[in-house]
Amino acid sequence: MFQNQALMNRRRTELTVIAVLIVGVIGYAGAGLALSATRVANAEHTLNVVVSHQNTLTTTFNAINTQLSQLTSGSVFNPQQSIILVDKSVSNSELATKTIEEDDSSLASVASQLGSMRWLTLVGQNSLDREAGRVQHGRNALGAARTIASDELQDGHFWHSLYAAIYDLTRLEAQVYANDLTAAQTTLGTFKADVDSALSLSSAPGLPVELHDMMADMQTFVGDYGKQLSAQIAGDDASVAAYQPTVNADRTKLGTYDYDKIGAAITAYYKPLIDRFNTEIAAATG
């Protein structure tokens, strides 16, 4: 009787332990699923925010094409309007860079959460792994966007200096034509500074070597034009006439550059980056 009672007591204890274990397993599974669901939902929300931010980059991506169309539009080219356009593009690139860094930090935090405490989230691991993959695609997209924004920012500074130089030249020639030589000499100094700036920026990512060569030729033109202007101010008509063929040759050389080819080279540089961005964003939202 005593043995039977002891046996029954032991079985009750075993059953209690089993019951506790079952409850524990159920609780573990429930907690794991709940935690997984929470992390997935949080990751999903963060991805949606990031994607909504990155959709605004389309404007920035297209800005360089607009700039190039302005540059190659011939007689309708307006340097002042182009400067405004470029400055807007630069501002967009700066804002995009800031947003990209903030978004990447958010996704990095989400990725860390998705991968932590795996022992507790084993039952929901498939959904976590799937979401982690999407987050990584999102970060890959941001990597491409970061390069695009950074490069366009540098390119934008170049275009600003180039357009400013072209604007300076239009003012300079108008002043010379009006025989306002004192103002022309002041404008020549600004023209030279903007050309020097553009030349120093002409090796920015995505800009073909032809632009560097063009700015070097424009720098030569500034020097020759300045010599002719100095002679004109001094009333040295013979020197003015002597410099004219050189200045004309400088102008002719600047006109030999194929701006359509330059534009195509820049487009070819950015296309793989933009394609990668689009592909990764699609994978992140798929």
C-alpha atoms as a PDB file:
ATOM      1  CA  MET A   1       0.000   0.000   0.000  1.00  0.00           C
ATOM      2  CA  PHE A   2       2.792   2.350   0.912  1.00  0.00           C
ATOM      3  CA  GLN A   3       4.636   1.478  -2.270  1.00  0.00           C
ATOM      4  CA  ASN A   4       1.529   2.107  -4.376  1.00  0.00           C
ATOM      5  CA  GLN A   5       0.994   5.424  -2.668  1.00  0.00           C
ATOM      6  CA  ALA A   6       4.603   6.387  -3.259  1.00  0.00           C
ATOM      7  CA  LEU A   7       4.295   5.380  -6.881  1.00  0.00           C
ATOM      8  CA  MET A   8       1.146   7.438  -7.292  1.00  0.00           C
ATOM      9  CA  ASN A   9       2.813  10.425  -5.658  1.00  0.00           C
ATOM     10  CA  ARG A  10       5.807  10.091  -7.969  1.00  0.00           C
ATOM     11  CA  ARG A  11       3.549   9.899 -11.028  1.00  0.00           C
ATOM     12  CA  ARG A  12       1.647  12.955  -9.861  1.00  0.00           C
ATOM     13  CA  THR A  13       4.968  14.751  -9.590  1.00  0.00           C
ATOM     14  CA  GLU A  14       5.995  13.561 -13.038  1.00  0.00           C
ATOM     15  CA  LEU A  15       2.675  14.627 -14.473  1.00  0.00           C
ATOM     16  CA  THR A  16       3.027  17.999 -12.824  1.00  0.00           C
ATOM     17  CA  VAL A  17       6.503  18.420 -14.242  1.00  0.00           C
ATOM     18  CA  ILE A  18       5.254  17.338 -17.683  1.00  0.00           C
ATOM     19  CA  ALA A  19       2.380  19.765 -17.405  1.00  0.00           C
ATOM     20  CA  VAL A  20       4.751  22.559 -16.477  1.00  0.00           C
ATOM     21  CA  LEU A  21       7.006  21.658 -19.387  1.00  0.00           C
ATOM     22  CA  ILE A  22       4.052  21.604 -21.791  1.00  0.00           C
ATOM     23  CA  VAL A  23       2.885  24.967 -20.544  1.00  0.00           C
ATOM     24  CA  GLY A  24       6.455  26.207 -20.816  1.00  0.00           C
ATOM     25  CA  VAL A  25       6.800  24.964 -24.397  1.00  0.00           C
ATOM     26  CA  ILE A  26       3.468  26.498 -25.324  1.00  0.00           C
ATOM     27  CA  GLY A  27       4.507  29.710 -23.628  1.00  0.00           C
ATOM     28  CA  TYR A  28       7.877  29.660 -25.374  1.00  0.00           C
ATOM     29  CA  ALA A  29       6.241  29.108 -28.743  1.00  0.00           C
ATOM     30  CA  GLY A  30       3.686  31.828 -28.096  1.00  0.00           C
ATOM     31  CA  ALA A  31       6.319  34.258 -26.874  1.00  0.00           C
ATOM     32  CA  GLY A  32       8.574  33.423 -29.812  1.00  0.00           C
ATOM     33  CA  LEU A  33       5.807  33.906 -32.330  1.00  0.00           C
ATOM     34  CA  ALA A  34       4.709  37.149 -30.692  1.00  0.00           C
ATOM     35  CA  LEU A  35       8.251  38.485 -30.602  1.00  0.00           C
ATOM     36  CA  SER A  36       8.859  37.427 -34.210  1.00  0.00           C
ATOM     37  CA  ALA A  37       5.633  39.068 -35.330  1.00  0.00           C
ATOM     38  CA  THR A  38       6.531  42.270 -33.508  1.00  0.00           C
ATOM     39  CA  ARG A  39       9.984  42.383 -35.061  1.00  0.00           C
ATOM     40  CA  VAL A  40       8.658  41.631 -38.521  1.00  0.00           C
ATOM     41  CA  ALA A  41       6.024  44.357 -38.167  1.00  0.00           C
ATOM     42  CA  ASN A  42       8.643  46.811 -36.980  1.00  0.00           C
ATOM     43  CA  ALA A  43      10.935  45.909 -39.861  1.00  0.00           C
ATOM     44  CA  GLU A  44       8.059  46.207 -42.321  1.00  0.00           C
ATOM     45  CA  HIS A  45       7.191  49.668 -41.027  1.00  0.00           C
ATOM     46  CA  THR A  46      10.816  50.807 -41.233  1.00  0.00           C
ATOM     47  CA  LEU A  47      11.164  49.449 -44.772  1.00  0.00           C
ATOM     48  CA  ASN A  48       8.002  51.247 -45.849  1.00  0.00           C
ATOM     49  CA  VAL A  49       9.320  54.510 -44.451  1.00  0.00           C
ATOM     50  CA  VAL A  50      12.667  54.006 -46.159  1.00  0.00           C
ATOM     51  CA  VAL A  51      11.040  53.182 -49.500  1.00  0.00           C
ATOM     52  CA  SER A  52       8.809  56.245 -49.282  1.00  0.00           C
ATOM     53  CA  HIS A  53      11.895  58.380 -48.642  1.00  0.00           C
ATOM     54  CA  GLN A  54      13.864  56.843 -51.480  1.00  0.00           C
ATOM     55  CA  ASN A  55      11.037  57.368 -53.955  1.00  0.00           C
ATOM     56  CA  THR A  56      11.840  61.075 -53.726  1.00  0.00           C
ATOM     57  CA  LEU A  57      15.295  60.357 -55.152  1.00  0.00           C
ATOM     58  CA  THR A  58      13.752  60.037 -58.608  1.00  0.00           C
ATOM     59  CA  THR A  59      13.854  63.824 -58.861  1.00  0.00           C
ATOM     60  CA  THR A  60      17.527  63.863 -57.964  1.00  0.00           C
ATOM     61  CA  PHE A  61      18.329  61.027 -60.373  1.00  0.00           C
ATOM     62  CA  ASN A  62      16.666  62.908 -63.216  1.00  0.00           C
ATOM     63  CA  ALA A  63      18.235  66.267 -62.379  1.00  0.00           C
ATOM     64  CA  ILE A  64      21.496  65.581 -64.179  1.00  0.00           C
ATOM     65  CA  ASN A  65      19.635  64.791 -67.415  1.00  0.00           C
ATOM     66  CA  THR A  66      17.856  68.123 -67.141  1.00  0.00           C
ATOM     67  CA  GLN A  67      21.166  69.873 -66.587  1.00  0.00           C
ATOM     68  CA  LEU A  68      22.662  68.250 -69.666  1.00  0.00           C
ATOM     69  CA  SER A  69      19.675  69.153 -71.795  1.00  0.00           C
ATOM     70  CA  GLN A  70      20.133  72.752 -70.676  1.00  0.00           C
ATOM     71  CA  LEU A  71      23.825  72.609 -71.560  1.00  0.00           C
ATOM     72  CA  THR A  72      23.184  71.303 -75.075  1.00  0.00           C
ATOM     73  CA  SER A  73      20.126  73.410 -75.884  1.00  0.00           C
ATOM     74  CA  GLY A  74      22.116  75.914 -77.961  1.00  0.00           C
ATOM     75  CA  SER A  75      20.639  79.357 -78.381  1.00  0.00           C
ATOM     76  CA  VAL A  76      17.972  78.896 -75.726  1.00  0.00           C
ATOM     77  CA  PHE A  77      20.561  78.153 -73.044  1.00  0.00           C
ATOM     78  CA  ASN A  78      20.095  80.440 -70.054  1.00  0.00           C
ATOM     79  CA  PRO A  79      23.032  80.258 -67.627  1.00  0.00           C
ATOM     80  CA  GLN A  80      21.212  82.038 -64.801  1.00  0.00           C
ATOM     81  CA  GLN A  81      18.299  79.616 -64.927  1.00  0.00           C
ATOM     82  CA  SER A  82      20.739  76.732 -65.168  1.00  0.00           C
ATOM     83  CA  ILE A  83      22.549  77.910 -62.034  1.00  0.00           C
ATOM     84  CA  ILE A  84      19.234  77.913 -60.177  1.00  0.00           C
ATOM     85  CA  LEU A  85      18.516  74.409 -61.471  1.00  0.00           C
ATOM     86  CA  VAL A  86      21.932  73.114 -60.453  1.00  0.00           C
ATOM     87  CA  ASP A  87      21.745  74.668 -57.002  1.00  0.00           C
ATOM     88  CA  LYS A  88      18.407  72.941 -56.498  1.00  0.00           C
ATOM     89  CA  SER A  89      19.959  69.665 -57.589  1.00  0.00           C
ATOM     90  CA  VAL A  90      22.832  70.169 -55.131  1.00  0.00           C
ATOM     91  CA  SER A  91      20.355  70.850 -52.328  1.00  0.00           C
ATOM     92  CA  ASN A  92      18.406  67.723 -53.274  1.00  0.00           C
ATOM     93  CA  SER A  93      21.595  65.661 -53.237  1.00  0.00           C
ATOM     94  CA  GLU A  94      22.566  67.022 -49.816  1.00  0.00           C
ATOM     95  CA  LEU A  95      19.116  66.242 -48.451  1.00  0.00           C
ATOM     96  CA  ALA A  96      19.159  62.807 -50.072  1.00  0.00           C
ATOM     97  CA  THR A  97      22.535  62.015 -48.497  1.00  0.00           C
ATOM     98  CA  LYS A  98      21.251  62.979 -45.049  1.00  0.00           C
ATOM     99  CA  THR A  99      18.089  60.909 -45.518  1.00  0.00           C
ATOM    100  CA  ILE A 100      20.061  57.914 -46.813  1.00  0.00           C
ATOM    101  CA  GLU A 101      22.321  57.888 -43.757  1.00  0.00           C
ATOM    102  CA  GLU A 102      19.356  58.139 -41.390  1.00  0.00           C
ATOM    103  CA  ASP A 103      17.467  55.387 -43.225  1.00  0.00           C
ATOM    104  CA  ASP A 104      20.471  53.088 -43.322  1.00  0.00           C
ATOM    105  CA  SER A 105      20.934  53.557 -39.580  1.00  0.00           C
ATOM    106  CA  SER A 106      17.280  52.610 -39.063  1.00  0.00           C
ATOM    107  CA  LEU A 107      17.597  49.496 -41.223  1.00  0.00           C
ATOM    108  CA  ALA A 108      20.832  48.494 -39.480  1.00  0.00           C
ATOM    109  CA  SER A 109      19.015  48.690 -36.151  1.00  0.00           C
ATOM    110  CA  VAL A 110      16.128  46.622 -37.499  1.00  0.00           C
ATOM    111  CA  ALA A 111      18.546  44.028 -38.933  1.00  0.00           C
ATOM    112  CA  SER A 112      20.199  43.700 -35.536  1.00  0.00           C
ATOM    113  CA  GLN A 113      16.816  43.133 -33.869  1.00  0.00           C
ATOM    114  CA  LEU A 114      15.811  40.513 -36.407  1.00  0.00           C
ATOM    115  CA  GLY A 115      18.988  38.545 -35.716  1.00  0.00           C
ATOM    116  CA  SER A 116      19.060  38.773 -31.918  1.00  0.00           C
ATOM    117  CA  MET A 117      17.786  36.221 -29.343  1.00  0.00           C
ATOM    118  CA  ARG A 118      17.396  33.493 -31.971  1.00  0.00           C
ATOM    119  CA  TRP A 119      16.845  30.877 -29.270  1.00  0.00           C
ATOM    120  CA  LEU A 120      13.569  32.588 -28.398  1.00  0.00           C
ATOM    121  CA  THR A 121      12.371  33.128 -31.953  1.00  0.00           C
ATOM    122  CA  LEU A 122      13.114  29.730 -33.529  1.00  0.00           C
ATOM    123  CA  VAL A 123       9.432  29.080 -34.200  1.00  0.00           C
ATOM    124  CA  GLY A 124       9.167  32.300 -36.189  1.00  0.00           C
ATOM    125  CA  GLN A 125      12.576  32.108 -37.802  1.00  0.00           C
ATOM    126  CA  ASN A 126      11.340  31.707 -41.373  1.00  0.00           C
ATOM    127  CA  SER A 127       9.457  34.981 -41.312  1.00  0.00           C
ATOM    128  CA  LEU A 128      12.377  36.685 -39.584  1.00  0.00           C
ATOM    129  CA  ASP A 129      14.841  35.398 -42.182  1.00  0.00           C
ATOM    130  CA  ARG A 130      12.564  36.495 -45.004  1.00  0.00           C
ATOM    131  CA  GLU A 131      12.245  39.968 -43.503  1.00  0.00           C
ATOM    132  CA  ALA A 132      15.993  40.145 -42.853  1.00  0.00           C
ATOM    133  CA  GLY A 133      16.578  39.453 -46.542  1.00  0.00           C
ATOM    134  CA  ARG A 134      14.266  42.295 -47.499  1.00  0.00           C
ATOM    135  CA  VAL A 135      16.007  44.625 -45.077  1.00  0.00           C
ATOM    136  CA  GLN A 136      19.372  43.718 -46.611  1.00  0.00           C
ATOM    137  CA  HIS A 137      18.025  44.491 -50.072  1.00  0.00           C
ATOM    138  CA  GLY A 138      16.878  47.826 -48.689  1.00  0.00           C
ATOM    139  CA  ARG A 139      20.372  48.535 -47.379  1.00  0.00           C
ATOM    140  CA  ASN A 140      21.856  47.496 -50.731  1.00  0.00           C
ATOM    141  CA  ALA A 141      19.551  49.998 -52.422  1.00  0.00           C
ATOM    142  CA  LEU A 142      20.694  52.673 -50.013  1.00  0.00           C
ATOM    143  CA  GLY A 143      24.298  51.828 -50.844  1.00  0.00           C
ATOM    144  CA  ALA A 144      23.644  52.536 -54.514  1.00  0.00           C
ATOM    145  CA  ALA A 145      21.641  55.651 -53.666  1.00  0.00           C
ATOM    146  CA  ARG A 146      24.456  56.882 -51.419  1.00  0.00           C
ATOM    147  CA  THR A 147      26.923  56.675 -54.314  1.00  0.00           C
ATOM    148  CA  ILE A 148      24.526  58.389 -56.703  1.00  0.00           C
ATOM    149  CA  ALA A 149      23.749  61.226 -54.293  1.00  0.00           C
ATOM    150  CA  SER A 150      27.411  61.733 -53.404  1.00  0.00           C
ATOM    151  CA  ASP A 151      28.537  61.750 -57.023  1.00  0.00           C
ATOM    152  CA  GLU A 152      25.725  64.020 -58.162  1.00  0.00           C
ATOM    153  CA  LEU A 153      26.586  66.402 -55.342  1.00  0.00           C
ATOM    154  CA  GLN A 154      30.154  66.685 -56.605  1.00  0.00           C
ATOM    155  CA  ASP A 155      28.989  66.923 -60.201  1.00  0.00           C
ATOM    156  CA  GLY A 156      26.515  69.626 -59.216  1.00  0.00           C
ATOM    157  CA  HIS A 157      29.296  71.801 -57.819  1.00  0.00           C
ATOM    158  CA  PHE A 158      31.115  71.434 -61.134  1.00  0.00           C
ATOM    159  CA  TRP A 159      28.054  72.398 -63.177  1.00  0.00           C
ATOM    160  CA  HIS A 160      27.456  75.409 -60.923  1.00  0.00           C
ATOM    161  CA  SER A 161      30.985  76.700 -61.555  1.00  0.00           C
ATOM    162  CA  LEU A 162      30.724  76.008 -65.296  1.00  0.00           C
ATOM    163  CA  TYR A 163      27.369  77.761 -65.653  1.00  0.00           C
ATOM    164  CA  ALA A 164      28.632  80.655 -63.548  1.00  0.00           C
ATOM    165  CA  ALA A 165      31.635  80.952 -65.876  1.00  0.00           C
ATOM    166  CA  ILE A 166      29.369  80.975 -68.927  1.00  0.00           C
ATOM    167  CA  TYR A 167      27.232  83.683 -67.303  1.00  0.00           C
ATOM    168  CA  ASP A 168      30.396  85.672 -66.554  1.00  0.00           C
ATOM    169  CA  LEU A 169      31.423  85.411 -70.205  1.00  0.00           C
ATOM    170  CA  THR A 170      28.076  86.738 -71.455  1.00  0.00           C
ATOM    171  CA  ARG A 171      28.376  89.713 -69.086  1.00  0.00           C
ATOM    172  CA  LEU A 172      32.014  90.253 -70.018  1.00  0.00           C
ATOM    173  CA  GLU A 173      31.327  90.399 -73.730  1.00  0.00           C
ATOM    174  CA  ALA A 174      28.345  92.706 -73.230  1.00  0.00           C
ATOM    175  CA  GLN A 175      30.529  95.074 -71.195  1.00  0.00           C
ATOM    176  CA  VAL A 176      33.314  95.005 -73.769  1.00  0.00           C
ATOM    177  CA  TYR A 177      30.781  95.657 -76.544  1.00  0.00           C
ATOM    178  CA  ALA A 178      29.470  98.651 -74.549  1.00  0.00           C
ATOM    179  CA  ASN A 179      33.092  99.802 -74.040  1.00  0.00           C
ATOM    180  CA  ASP A 180      32.646  99.558 -70.246  1.00  0.00           C
ATOM    181  CA  LEU A 181      36.178  98.248 -69.858  1.00  0.00           C
ATOM    182  CA  THR A 182      36.517  98.915 -66.120  1.00  0.00           C
ATOM    183  CA  ALA A 183      33.482  96.709 -65.408  1.00  0.00           C
ATOM    184  CA  ALA A 184      34.785  94.185 -67.944  1.00  0.00           C
ATOM    185  CA  GLN A 185      38.084  93.905 -66.113  1.00  0.00           C
ATOM    186  CA  THR A 186      36.251  93.202 -62.838  1.00  0.00           C
ATOM    187  CA  THR A 187      34.058  90.604 -64.521  1.00  0.00           C
ATOM    188  CA  LEU A 188      37.149  89.007 -66.064  1.00  0.00           C
ATOM    189  CA  GLY A 189      38.453  88.338 -62.544  1.00  0.00           C
ATOM    190  CA  THR A 190      35.185  86.610 -61.613  1.00  0.00           C
ATOM    191  CA  PHE A 191      35.227  84.689 -64.885  1.00  0.00           C
ATOM    192  CA  LYS A 192      38.744  83.424 -64.208  1.00  0.00           C
ATOM    193  CA  ALA A 193      37.839  82.367 -60.646  1.00  0.00           C
ATOM    194  CA  ASP A 194      34.791  80.400 -61.837  1.00  0.00           C
ATOM    195  CA  VAL A 195      36.756  78.707 -64.636  1.00  0.00           C
ATOM    196  CA  ASP A 196      39.523  77.755 -62.193  1.00  0.00           C
ATOM    197  CA  SER A 197      36.902  76.349 -59.820  1.00  0.00           C
ATOM    198  CA  ALA A 198      35.231  74.336 -62.590  1.00  0.00           C
ATOM    199  CA  LEU A 199      38.596  72.965 -63.701  1.00  0.00           C
ATOM    200  CA  SER A 200      39.406  71.814 -60.167  1.00  0.00           C
ATOM    201  CA  LEU A 201      36.018  70.054 -59.969  1.00  0.00           C
ATOM    202  CA  SER A 202      36.057  68.573 -63.479  1.00  0.00           C
ATOM    203  CA  SER A 203      37.429  65.199 -62.354  1.00  0.00           C
ATOM    204  CA  ALA A 204      34.431  64.470 -60.128  1.00  0.00           C
ATOM    205  CA  PRO A 205      32.937  60.942 -60.378  1.00  0.00           C
ATOM    206  CA  GLY A 206      30.879  60.407 -63.514  1.00  0.00           C
ATOM    207  CA  LEU A 207      32.359  63.317 -65.451  1.00  0.00           C
ATOM    208  CA  PRO A 208      34.244  62.218 -68.591  1.00  0.00           C
ATOM    209  CA  VAL A 209      37.765  63.422 -69.239  1.00  0.00           C
ATOM    210  CA  GLU A 210      36.492  65.647 -72.064  1.00  0.00           C
ATOM    211  CA  LEU A 211      35.053  68.024 -69.480  1.00  0.00           C
ATOM    212  CA  HIS A 212      38.443  68.374 -67.807  1.00  0.00           C
ATOM    213  CA  ASP A 213      40.028  69.037 -71.202  1.00  0.00           C
ATOM    214  CA  MET A 214      37.331  71.559 -72.046  1.00  0.00           C
ATOM    215  CA  MET A 215      37.888  73.474 -68.817  1.00  0.00           C
ATOM    216  CA  ALA A 216      41.636  73.500 -69.421  1.00  0.00           C
ATOM    217  CA  ASP A 217      40.956  75.013 -72.846  1.00  0.00           C
ATOM    218  CA  MET A 218      38.579  77.525 -71.314  1.00  0.00           C
ATOM    219  CA  GLN A 219      41.302  78.479 -68.825  1.00  0.00           C
ATOM    220  CA  THR A 220      43.603  79.152 -71.792  1.00  0.00           C
ATOM    221  CA  PHE A 221      40.857  81.226 -73.396  1.00  0.00           C
ATOM    222  CA  VAL A 222      40.513  83.320 -70.222  1.00  0.00           C
ATOM    223  CA  GLY A 223      44.226  84.044 -70.241  1.00  0.00           C
ATOM    224  CA  ASP A 224      44.280  85.067 -73.888  1.00  0.00           C
ATOM    225  CA  TYR A 225      41.096  87.096 -73.576  1.00  0.00           C
ATOM    226  CA  GLY A 226      42.567  88.869 -70.550  1.00  0.00           C
ATOM    227  CA  LYS A 227      45.695  89.836 -72.492  1.00  0.00           C
ATOM    228  CA  GLN A 228      43.556  91.263 -75.283  1.00  0.00           C
ATOM    229  CA  LEU A 229      41.389  93.156 -72.794  1.00  0.00           C
ATOM    230  CA  SER A 230      44.456  94.628 -71.106  1.00  0.00           C
ATOM    231  CA  ALA A 231      45.720  95.819 -74.483  1.00  0.00           C
ATOM    232  CA  GLN A 232      42.322  97.325 -75.225  1.00  0.00           C
ATOM    233  CA  ILE A 233      42.284  99.161 -71.897  1.00  0.00           C
ATOM    234  CA  ALA A 234      45.790 100.466 -72.648  1.00  0.00           C
ATOM    235  CA  GLY A 235      44.625 101.683 -76.070  1.00  0.00           C
ATOM    236  CA  ASP A 236      47.112  99.372 -77.786  1.00  0.00           C
ATOM    237  CA  ASP A 237      45.124  98.642 -80.927  1.00  0.00           C
ATOM    238  CA  ALA A 238      47.964  96.760 -82.585  1.00  0.00           C
ATOM    239  CA  SER A 239      48.181  94.268 -79.723  1.00  0.00           C
ATOM    240  CA  VAL A 240      44.399  93.930 -79.654  1.00  0.00           C
ATOM    241  CA  ALA A 241      44.496  92.965 -83.320  1.00  0.00           C
ATOM    242  CA  ALA A 242      47.437  90.629 -82.746  1.00  0.00           C
ATOM    243  CA  TYR A 243      45.627  88.755 -80.006  1.00  0.00           C
ATOM    244  CA  GLN A 244      42.417  88.373 -82.010  1.00  0.00           C
ATOM    245  CA  PRO A 245      43.435  85.245 -83.998  1.00  0.00           C
ATOM    246  CA  THR A 246      44.500  83.499 -80.801  1.00  0.00           C
ATOM    247  CA  VAL A 247      41.230  84.350 -79.048  1.00  0.00           C
ATOM    248  CA  ASN A 248      39.276  83.189 -82.104  1.00  0.00           C
ATOM    249  CA  ALA A 249      41.225  79.908 -82.162  1.00  0.00           C
ATOM    250  CA  ASP A 250      40.422  79.395 -78.484  1.00  0.00           C
ATOM    251  CA  ARG A 251      36.721  79.911 -79.198  1.00  0.00           C
ATOM    252  CA  THR A 252      36.825  77.511 -82.120  1.00  0.00           C
ATOM    253  CA  LYS A 253      38.482  74.815 -80.039  1.00  0.00           C
ATOM    254  CA  LEU A 254      35.861  75.154 -77.316  1.00  0.00           C
ATOM    255  CA  GLY A 255      33.206  74.652 -79.976  1.00  0.00           C
ATOM    256  CA  THR A 256      34.659  71.319 -81.109  1.00  0.00           C
ATOM    257  CA  TYR A 257      33.567  69.381 -78.045  1.00  0.00           C
ATOM    258  CA  ASP A 258      30.752  66.891 -78.583  1.00  0.00           C
ATOM    259  CA  TYR A 259      28.349  67.687 -75.742  1.00  0.00           C
ATOM    260  CA  ASP A 260      25.954  64.942 -76.775  1.00  0.00           C
ATOM    261  CA  LYS A 261      28.801  62.456 -76.365  1.00  0.00           C
ATOM    262  CA  ILE A 262      29.644  63.948 -72.971  1.00  0.00           C
ATOM    263  CA  GLY A 263      26.023  63.632 -71.908  1.00  0.00           C
ATOM    264  CA  ALA A 264      25.874  60.017 -73.081  1.00  0.00           C
ATOM    265  CA  ALA A 265      29.031  59.173 -71.108  1.00  0.00           C
ATOM    266  CA  ILE A 266      27.554  60.634 -67.916  1.00  0.00           C
ATOM    267  CA  THR A 267      24.298  58.756 -68.450  1.00  0.00           C
ATOM    268  CA  ALA A 268      26.253  55.525 -68.981  1.00  0.00           C
ATOM    269  CA  TYR A 269      28.098  56.085 -65.705  1.00  0.00           C
ATOM    270  CA  TYR A 270      24.942  56.519 -63.647  1.00  0.00           C
ATOM    271  CA  LYS A 271      22.761  53.895 -65.338  1.00  0.00           C
ATOM    272  CA  PRO A 272      24.209  50.798 -63.568  1.00  0.00           C
ATOM    273  CA  LEU A 273      23.897  52.535 -60.207  1.00  0.00           C
ATOM    274  CA  ILE A 274      20.306  53.532 -60.868  1.00  0.00           C
ATOM    275  CA  ASP A 275      19.491  50.043 -62.172  1.00  0.00           C
ATOM    276  CA  ARG A 276      20.987  48.508 -59.045  1.00  0.00           C
ATOM    277  CA  PHE A 277      18.996  50.888 -56.851  1.00  0.00           C
ATOM    278  CA  ASN A 278      15.749  50.023 -58.651  1.00  0.00           C
ATOM    279  CA  THR A 279      16.454  46.273 -58.521  1.00  0.00           C
ATOM    280  CA  GLU A 280      17.257  46.306 -54.807  1.00  0.00           C
ATOM    281  CA  ILE A 281      14.262  48.466 -53.940  1.00  0.00           C
ATOM    282  CA  ALA A 282      12.026  46.068 -55.879  1.00  0.00           C
ATOM    283  CA  ALA A 283      13.484  43.120 -53.942  1.00  0.00           C
ATOM    284  CA  ALA A 284      13.017  44.980 -50.653  1.00  0.00           C
ATOM    285  CA  THR A 285       9.341  45.591 -51.375  1.00  0.00           C
ATOM    286  CA  GLY A 286       8.637  42.228 -53.026  1.00  0.00           C
END
